[in-house]
Protein backbone atom coordinates (compact mmCIF):
# COMPACT_ATOMS: atom_id res chain seq x y z
CA UNK A 1 -14.85 -0.40 -22.37
CA UNK A 2 -14.17 3.29 -21.78
CA UNK A 3 -13.46 4.52 -18.26
CA UNK A 4 -13.18 7.93 -16.66
CA UNK A 5 -10.82 8.45 -13.71
CA UNK A 6 -11.69 11.47 -11.57
CA UNK A 7 -9.20 12.52 -8.89
CA UNK A 8 -7.60 15.85 -8.03
CA UNK A 9 -4.21 14.18 -7.69
CA UNK A 10 -2.42 13.63 -11.01
CA UNK A 11 -0.24 11.07 -9.25
CA UNK A 12 -3.31 9.13 -8.09
CA UNK A 13 -4.88 9.26 -11.57
CA UNK A 14 -1.65 7.90 -13.02
CA UNK A 15 -1.54 5.16 -10.39
CA UNK A 16 -5.17 4.15 -11.05
CA UNK A 17 -4.44 4.15 -14.78
CA UNK A 18 -1.46 1.88 -14.19
CA UNK A 19 -3.45 -0.46 -11.95
CA UNK A 20 -6.20 -0.68 -14.59
CA UNK A 21 -3.56 -1.53 -17.21
CA UNK A 22 -2.08 -4.22 -14.97
CA UNK A 23 -5.54 -5.65 -14.30
CA UNK A 24 -5.64 -7.03 -17.86
CA UNK A 25 -9.20 -5.87 -18.44
CA UNK A 26 -10.94 -5.04 -21.71
CA UNK A 27 -10.51 -1.29 -21.23
CA UNK A 28 -10.06 0.39 -24.61
CA UNK A 29 -9.74 4.00 -23.45
CA UNK A 30 -9.01 5.78 -20.19
CA UNK A 31 -9.96 9.42 -19.77
CA UNK A 32 -9.15 11.66 -16.82
CA UNK A 33 -10.57 14.62 -14.93
CA UNK A 34 -9.22 16.52 -11.94
CA UNK A 35 -12.62 17.32 -10.39
CA UNK A 36 -16.35 16.89 -10.84
CA UNK A 37 -16.74 19.86 -13.19
CA UNK A 38 -14.13 18.45 -15.57
CA UNK A 39 -15.74 15.02 -15.25
CA UNK A 40 -19.15 16.40 -16.28
CA UNK A 41 -17.54 17.92 -19.36
CA UNK A 42 -16.01 14.55 -20.30
CA UNK A 43 -19.32 12.78 -19.64
CA UNK A 44 -21.09 15.24 -21.96
CA UNK A 45 -18.73 14.54 -24.86
CA UNK A 46 -17.89 10.83 -24.45
CA UNK A 47 -19.78 7.61 -23.85
CA UNK A 48 -18.28 6.36 -20.59
CA UNK A 49 -18.90 2.83 -19.31
CA UNK A 50 -17.27 3.05 -15.88
CA UNK A 51 -16.66 6.08 -13.68
CA UNK A 52 -13.98 5.88 -10.99
CA UNK A 53 -14.16 8.90 -8.72
CA UNK A 54 -12.51 10.18 -5.60
CA UNK A 55 -14.73 11.89 -3.03
CA UNK A 56 -12.64 14.76 -1.66
CA UNK A 57 -11.74 17.15 -4.50
CA UNK A 58 -11.81 20.92 -4.95
CA UNK A 59 -14.22 22.74 -7.30
CA UNK A 60 -16.76 19.88 -7.32
CA UNK A 61 -16.46 16.86 -5.05
CA UNK A 62 -17.11 13.30 -6.10
CA UNK A 63 -20.29 13.33 -4.05
CA UNK A 64 -21.52 16.45 -5.87
CA UNK A 65 -20.65 14.82 -9.19
CA UNK A 66 -22.61 11.68 -8.29
CA UNK A 67 -25.55 13.77 -7.06
CA UNK A 68 -25.55 15.69 -10.35
CA UNK A 69 -25.72 12.57 -12.52
CA UNK A 70 -28.01 10.53 -10.25
CA UNK A 71 -31.46 10.14 -11.73
CA UNK A 72 -30.37 11.43 -15.15
CA UNK A 73 -31.50 8.83 -17.70
CA UNK A 74 -28.46 9.59 -19.86
CA UNK A 75 -26.27 7.97 -17.19
CA UNK A 76 -28.47 4.96 -16.35
CA UNK A 77 -25.89 2.50 -17.71
CA UNK A 78 -22.88 4.29 -16.22
CA UNK A 79 -21.27 2.09 -13.59
CA UNK A 80 -20.07 4.21 -10.69
CA UNK A 81 -17.15 3.26 -8.46
CA UNK A 82 -15.71 5.34 -5.64
CA UNK A 83 -12.00 5.12 -4.90
CA UNK A 84 -11.27 7.09 -1.74
CA UNK A 85 -9.26 7.20 1.45
CA UNK A 86 -12.52 8.00 3.28
CA UNK A 87 -14.19 4.65 3.93
CA UNK A 88 -16.46 5.77 6.76
CA UNK A 89 -19.86 4.16 7.20
CA UNK A 90 -21.65 7.45 6.53
CA UNK A 91 -19.78 7.90 3.22
CA UNK A 92 -20.60 4.32 2.19
CA UNK A 93 -24.29 4.79 3.02
CA UNK A 94 -24.34 8.03 1.06
CA UNK A 95 -22.66 6.29 -1.90
CA UNK A 96 -25.30 3.55 -1.91
CA UNK A 97 -27.99 6.19 -2.28
CA UNK A 98 -26.15 7.61 -5.33
CA UNK A 99 -26.19 4.41 -7.39
CA UNK A 100 -22.55 3.55 -6.64
CA UNK A 101 -21.76 -0.06 -7.54
CA UNK A 102 -18.58 -0.38 -5.51
CA UNK A 103 -16.67 1.57 -2.87
CA UNK A 104 -12.91 0.97 -2.84
CA UNK A 105 -10.40 2.31 -0.37
CA UNK A 106 -6.97 3.53 -1.38
CA UNK A 107 -4.40 2.13 -1.86
CA UNK A 108 -5.55 -0.28 -4.58
CA UNK A 109 -4.13 -3.53 -5.83
CA UNK A 110 -4.41 -4.67 -9.46
CA UNK A 111 -6.22 -7.82 -8.34
CA UNK A 112 -8.96 -5.92 -6.51
CA UNK A 113 -9.45 -3.53 -9.41
CA UNK A 114 -9.58 -6.40 -11.92
CA UNK A 115 -12.28 -8.07 -9.80
CA UNK A 116 -14.24 -4.81 -9.65
CA UNK A 117 -13.98 -4.26 -13.41
CA UNK A 118 -15.18 -7.81 -14.00
CA UNK A 119 -18.05 -7.33 -11.56
CA UNK A 120 -19.30 -4.02 -12.92
CA UNK A 121 -19.19 -4.99 -16.59
């Protein structure tokens, strides 16, 4: 399984990467992007199975990224997971309309992430 971690914080990307590693999942490759524009570039050149994205990022937000790929047949099988500090009801409702499979709030535990990876695969 190949995942893409999208977050403007390098520290957060590293932490998510570490949590994924500790989750003992069948992840074979982890790619990273610092914003939605970079994520789109990665999505164009790699077959990604699971997308983990933050919401609040400069250049292109996670919401804008999800809106861009929503409805595009190329990404029909892409499992979308939001990892954000913003867990408001309005954000969660918006995520549901953008084909998001799971909405996680930071900070994460390896157990929760392992469960999510198992669920989305």
